[in-house]
Protein backbone atom coordinates (compact mmCIF):
# COMPACT_ATOMS: atom_id res chain seq x y z
CA MET A 1 -0.59 25.54 -46.21
CA ASP A 2 -1.14 21.94 -45.05
CA ASN A 3 2.23 20.14 -45.06
CA SER A 4 1.01 17.08 -43.14
CA GLN A 5 1.11 14.72 -46.13
CA THR A 6 4.67 15.69 -47.12
CA ILE A 7 5.92 15.35 -43.54
CA ALA A 8 4.22 11.97 -43.13
CA GLU A 9 5.67 10.65 -46.38
CA SER A 10 9.17 11.75 -45.39
CA PHE A 11 9.00 9.97 -42.03
CA LEU A 12 7.49 6.83 -43.54
CA SER A 13 10.11 6.67 -46.30
CA ALA A 14 12.93 7.08 -43.77
CA ARG A 15 11.46 4.38 -41.51
CA ARG A 16 10.97 1.91 -44.34
CA ALA A 17 14.53 2.44 -45.58
CA ALA A 18 15.94 2.55 -42.00
CA LEU A 19 17.64 5.84 -42.86
CA SER A 20 18.09 8.79 -40.53
CA LEU A 21 16.81 12.32 -41.11
CA ALA A 22 19.09 15.29 -40.48
CA GLU A 23 16.22 17.61 -39.57
CA PHE A 24 12.45 17.72 -39.23
CA PRO A 25 11.10 17.18 -42.77
CA GLY A 26 9.27 20.46 -43.26
CA PRO A 27 7.67 23.09 -41.02
CA GLN A 28 7.22 21.52 -37.58
CA PRO A 29 3.60 21.58 -36.34
CA THR A 30 3.02 24.18 -33.65
CA THR A 31 -0.02 22.46 -32.11
CA LEU A 32 -0.85 18.91 -31.10
CA GLN A 33 -3.86 19.00 -33.42
CA ALA A 34 -1.59 19.67 -36.39
CA ALA A 35 0.84 16.96 -35.23
CA TYR A 36 -1.95 14.39 -35.02
CA ALA A 37 -2.95 15.38 -38.55
CA VAL A 38 0.52 14.22 -39.64
CA GLN A 39 0.11 11.01 -37.65
CA GLU A 40 -3.24 10.39 -39.36
CA ARG A 41 -1.62 10.77 -42.79
CA MET A 42 0.95 8.16 -41.76
CA LEU A 43 -1.81 5.82 -40.61
CA ASP A 44 -3.69 6.32 -43.89
CA ALA A 45 -0.61 5.03 -45.74
CA LEU A 46 -0.45 1.79 -43.74
CA ALA A 47 -2.23 -1.30 -45.01
CA ASP A 48 -3.91 -2.18 -41.71
CA ARG A 49 -5.27 -0.32 -38.69
CA PRO A 50 -2.91 -0.24 -35.70
CA VAL A 51 -3.35 -3.11 -33.25
CA ALA A 52 -1.23 -1.46 -30.55
CA TRP A 53 -0.75 2.06 -29.21
CA LYS A 54 1.69 3.79 -26.87
CA VAL A 55 0.92 6.55 -24.38
CA GLY A 56 3.61 8.94 -23.15
CA LEU A 57 3.85 11.94 -20.89
CA ILE A 58 4.31 15.57 -21.89
CA ALA A 59 6.54 17.54 -19.52
CA ALA A 60 4.73 19.99 -17.26
CA GLU A 61 6.46 23.03 -18.74
CA GLN A 62 5.16 22.07 -22.21
CA SER A 63 1.74 20.64 -21.35
CA ALA A 64 0.23 23.96 -20.27
CA ALA A 65 0.96 25.55 -23.64
CA LEU A 66 -0.09 22.50 -25.66
CA GLY A 67 -3.24 21.69 -23.71
CA ASP A 68 -2.52 18.02 -22.91
CA ASN A 69 -0.30 16.22 -20.41
CA ARG A 70 0.01 13.05 -22.48
CA LEU A 71 0.53 12.06 -26.10
CA VAL A 72 -0.15 8.90 -28.09
CA GLY A 73 1.17 7.09 -31.13
CA PRO A 74 0.74 3.82 -33.01
CA VAL A 75 3.13 1.00 -32.16
CA ALA A 76 5.27 0.23 -35.19
CA ARG A 77 6.00 -3.39 -34.22
CA LEU A 78 4.69 -5.74 -31.52
CA ILE A 79 7.11 -8.44 -30.33
CA GLU A 80 6.41 -11.36 -27.97
CA GLN A 81 9.45 -12.32 -25.91
CA GLY A 82 8.30 -15.93 -25.74
CA ALA A 83 8.39 -18.64 -23.12
CA GLY A 84 11.31 -18.98 -20.73
CA GLY A 85 12.32 -15.32 -20.88
CA ARG A 86 14.22 -15.83 -24.11
CA GLY A 87 15.57 -12.46 -25.21
CA VAL A 88 14.70 -10.63 -28.40
CA ALA A 89 16.71 -8.57 -30.85
CA VAL A 90 15.47 -5.18 -32.03
CA PRO A 91 17.16 -3.36 -34.94
CA LEU A 92 17.56 0.41 -34.59
CA ILE A 93 17.77 3.11 -37.22
CA ALA A 94 21.42 4.12 -37.45
CA GLY A 95 21.80 7.82 -36.78
CA GLY A 96 18.28 8.15 -35.41
CA PHE A 97 16.85 8.25 -31.90
CA ALA A 98 16.58 5.11 -29.76
CA ALA A 99 15.68 4.44 -26.12
CA VAL A 100 14.17 1.74 -23.92
CA GLU A 101 11.38 2.27 -21.39
CA ALA A 102 9.96 -0.12 -18.79
CA GLU A 103 6.19 -0.16 -19.15
CA LEU A 104 3.02 -2.11 -18.46
CA ALA A 105 0.87 -3.14 -21.43
CA LEU A 106 -2.87 -3.71 -21.37
CA LEU A 107 -4.76 -6.13 -23.63
CA ILE A 108 -8.21 -4.92 -24.64
CA GLY A 109 -10.69 -7.75 -24.05
CA HIS A 110 -13.79 -6.04 -25.42
CA ASP A 111 -14.33 -3.23 -27.91
CA ILE A 112 -14.25 0.10 -26.08
CA PRO A 113 -16.84 2.55 -27.37
CA ALA A 114 -15.47 5.84 -28.63
CA ARG A 115 -16.30 8.56 -26.12
CA SER A 116 -14.87 11.91 -25.18
CA GLU A 117 -15.92 11.67 -21.50
CA VAL A 118 -13.58 10.24 -18.86
CA PHE A 119 -14.27 6.60 -17.98
CA ALA A 120 -14.55 5.66 -14.33
CA GLU A 121 -11.51 3.51 -13.49
CA ALA A 122 -13.62 0.50 -12.44
CA ASP A 123 -15.65 0.65 -15.66
CA LEU A 124 -12.57 0.91 -17.84
CA ALA A 125 -10.88 -2.01 -16.06
CA ASP A 126 -13.73 -4.25 -17.21
CA TYR A 127 -12.57 -3.78 -20.81
CA VAL A 128 -9.04 -5.04 -20.00
CA SER A 129 -8.39 -8.79 -20.14
CA ASP A 130 -4.64 -8.89 -19.41
CA MET A 131 -1.72 -6.83 -18.15
CA ARG A 132 1.81 -7.73 -19.22
CA ILE A 133 5.27 -6.53 -18.40
CA ALA A 134 6.61 -4.67 -21.42
CA ALA A 135 9.43 -2.65 -22.91
CA GLU A 136 8.72 0.20 -25.24
CA ILE A 137 11.51 0.72 -27.74
CA ALA A 138 11.24 4.41 -28.53
CA GLY A 139 12.74 5.33 -31.85
CA SER A 140 12.67 7.60 -34.86
CA PRO A 141 14.78 8.41 -37.93
CA LEU A 142 15.16 11.88 -36.39
CA ALA A 143 17.86 11.92 -33.70
CA ALA A 144 16.67 15.25 -32.25
CA ILE A 145 13.00 14.26 -32.03
CA VAL A 146 12.79 14.54 -28.23
CA GLU A 147 14.60 17.86 -28.12
CA LEU A 148 12.20 19.23 -30.74
CA GLY A 149 9.31 18.50 -28.40
CA PRO A 150 5.90 16.80 -28.31
CA THR A 151 4.64 17.97 -31.71
CA ALA A 152 7.66 16.35 -33.36
CA VAL A 153 7.16 13.18 -31.30
CA VAL A 154 3.48 12.91 -32.21
CA SER A 155 4.24 13.52 -35.89
CA ASP A 156 6.45 10.42 -36.14
CA HIS A 157 4.59 7.42 -34.70
CA GLY A 158 4.78 8.91 -31.21
CA ASN A 159 8.51 8.15 -31.39
CA ASN A 160 7.97 4.37 -31.36
CA LEU A 161 9.90 1.53 -32.96
CA ALA A 162 8.43 -1.43 -31.09
CA VAL A 163 6.85 -2.79 -27.93
CA VAL A 164 8.19 -6.03 -26.46
CA LEU A 165 5.65 -8.04 -24.45
CA GLY A 166 6.59 -10.33 -21.56
CA GLY A 167 4.61 -12.34 -19.04
CA SER A 168 1.23 -11.57 -17.52
CA ILE A 169 0.60 -10.00 -14.12
CA ALA A 170 -2.14 -12.34 -12.97
CA ASP A 171 -3.47 -10.30 -10.05
CA TRP A 172 -2.97 -6.82 -11.48
CA ARG A 173 -6.38 -5.47 -10.40
CA ALA A 174 -5.58 -6.16 -6.75
CA ARG A 175 -2.08 -4.67 -6.80
CA SER A 176 -1.10 -1.16 -5.78
CA LEU A 177 0.85 0.99 -8.21
CA GLN A 178 3.79 0.98 -5.77
CA SER A 179 3.97 -2.83 -5.91
CA LEU A 180 4.37 -2.93 -9.70
CA VAL A 181 8.10 -2.29 -9.93
CA CYS A 182 10.96 -2.60 -12.39
CA THR A 183 14.75 -2.24 -12.41
CA VAL A 184 16.47 -1.47 -15.72
CA SER A 185 20.04 -2.51 -16.52
CA ILE A 186 22.02 -1.70 -19.65
CA ASN A 187 25.13 -3.74 -20.41
CA ASN A 188 24.82 -5.33 -16.93
CA ALA A 189 24.84 -1.99 -15.09
CA VAL A 190 21.73 -0.93 -13.16
CA ILE A 191 20.67 2.52 -14.35
CA ALA A 192 17.15 3.05 -12.94
CA SER A 193 14.36 1.64 -10.81
CA GLY A 194 10.76 2.71 -10.45
CA SER A 195 7.15 1.70 -10.19
CA ALA A 196 3.85 2.19 -11.99
CA GLU A 197 3.29 5.08 -9.59
CA GLN A 198 5.49 7.17 -11.92
CA VAL A 199 2.70 6.98 -14.51
CA PRO A 200 0.22 9.62 -13.25
CA GLY A 201 -2.96 7.82 -12.24
CA GLY A 202 -1.47 4.49 -13.32
CA PRO A 203 -2.06 2.40 -16.46
CA LEU A 204 -5.83 2.87 -16.47
CA ALA A 205 -5.47 6.67 -16.50
CA ALA A 206 -3.20 6.33 -19.54
CA LEU A 207 -5.78 4.08 -21.19
CA SER A 208 -8.55 6.60 -20.46
CA PHE A 209 -6.52 9.35 -22.14
CA LEU A 210 -5.97 7.17 -25.20
CA VAL A 211 -9.69 6.37 -25.50
CA GLN A 212 -10.53 10.08 -25.46
CA ASN A 213 -7.73 10.99 -27.88
CA LEU A 214 -8.81 8.35 -30.40
CA ALA A 215 -12.47 9.32 -30.09
CA ARG A 216 -11.60 12.85 -31.20
CA ARG A 217 -9.98 11.30 -34.27
CA GLY A 218 -12.88 8.99 -35.13
CA ARG A 219 -11.06 5.93 -33.83
CA ALA A 220 -11.69 3.39 -31.08
CA LEU A 221 -9.91 0.49 -29.40
CA LYS A 222 -10.99 -3.00 -30.44
CA LYS A 223 -10.81 -6.41 -28.81
CA GLY A 224 -7.24 -7.71 -29.17
CA ASP A 225 -5.56 -4.29 -29.24
CA TRP A 226 -2.60 -3.61 -26.94
CA VAL A 227 -1.80 -0.38 -25.11
CA SER A 228 1.64 0.41 -23.67
CA THR A 229 0.86 2.81 -20.85
CA GLY A 230 3.95 4.89 -20.06
CA ALA A 231 7.48 4.85 -18.66
CA MET A 232 7.93 3.53 -15.11
CA THR A 233 11.64 4.34 -14.75
CA GLY A 234 12.30 7.03 -17.33
CA VAL A 235 13.61 7.06 -20.89
CA HIS A 236 16.99 5.38 -21.33
CA PRO A 237 19.00 5.94 -24.55
CA VAL A 238 20.37 2.84 -26.26
CA ALA A 239 22.54 2.10 -29.27
CA PRO A 240 23.39 -0.90 -31.46
CA GLY A 241 25.38 -3.51 -29.54
CA MET A 242 23.78 -2.71 -26.18
CA LEU A 243 21.80 -5.15 -24.04
CA ALA A 244 18.89 -3.91 -21.95
CA GLU A 245 17.45 -6.08 -19.17
CA LEU A 246 14.23 -5.16 -17.40
CA ASP A 247 13.57 -6.92 -14.10
CA PHE A 248 9.93 -6.79 -12.96
CA GLY A 249 10.59 -8.95 -9.89
CA SER A 250 8.20 -11.87 -9.44
CA HIS A 251 6.45 -10.96 -12.70
CA GLY A 252 9.47 -11.78 -14.85
CA ARG A 253 12.23 -10.22 -16.90
CA LEU A 254 12.69 -8.86 -20.39
CA SER A 255 15.95 -8.97 -22.30
CA VAL A 256 16.44 -6.86 -25.43
CA ARG A 257 19.60 -6.70 -27.53
CA PHE A 258 19.91 -3.86 -30.02
CA SER A 259 21.37 -4.09 -33.50
CA THR A 260 21.45 -2.01 -36.69
CA HIS A 261 19.09 -2.58 -39.61
CA GLN A 262 20.80 -4.48 -42.40
CA GLN A 263 20.48 -2.54 -45.65
CA THR A 264 19.31 -4.54 -48.65
């Protein structure tokens, strides 16, 4: 029995009402293919095609069984921090899952043709017109979504609430992965540091995976789309009232304060 539509509707209803879910809404998919079928039902219910996507890693102990080492999801909300490093506020779903991740986001400058073959890194770079510092705000109505594993994550927007975009990295093509660094603080306490080297193969490898994943689903990236490419310092849980600050050194800072959705 195909439960993908029912699962998708449950997640969408919970997201729209900013209400938590006590458990996975139905039989959890056992394969990534079945999980992406749920994601496709969610996308069918949205008025417009996604203009941003996130890419995340699948832990090694799970990837062998599932057949992929990464997963993808549509970005629920794209937020520009604005000039001068002015901070942004992001509402969370009370009782759900929430975390912040330091990432690098790529702007697609030309339509990328759908293809299942791996792009050469140099060829793929030609489709990218900008790289920005970014914060992915992971989030779901389901508090246990990460513990339930990748098929649960894929089923609900890839566990995404938003991506916050900061300033551009002007010379990104010439920089090594080790030189693209970030330090994350929460409530003024440093909790993690890392570099783009923690994303296997770097941002372009994440983009290549996304292109292949979307091609299998009859989708492709278009000019103007954004891609958040994976966590540089890990996944850091947050809650309403917290302040996260992401310091990317000479490339700028991001400041995100978390609140709770106001019920109407």
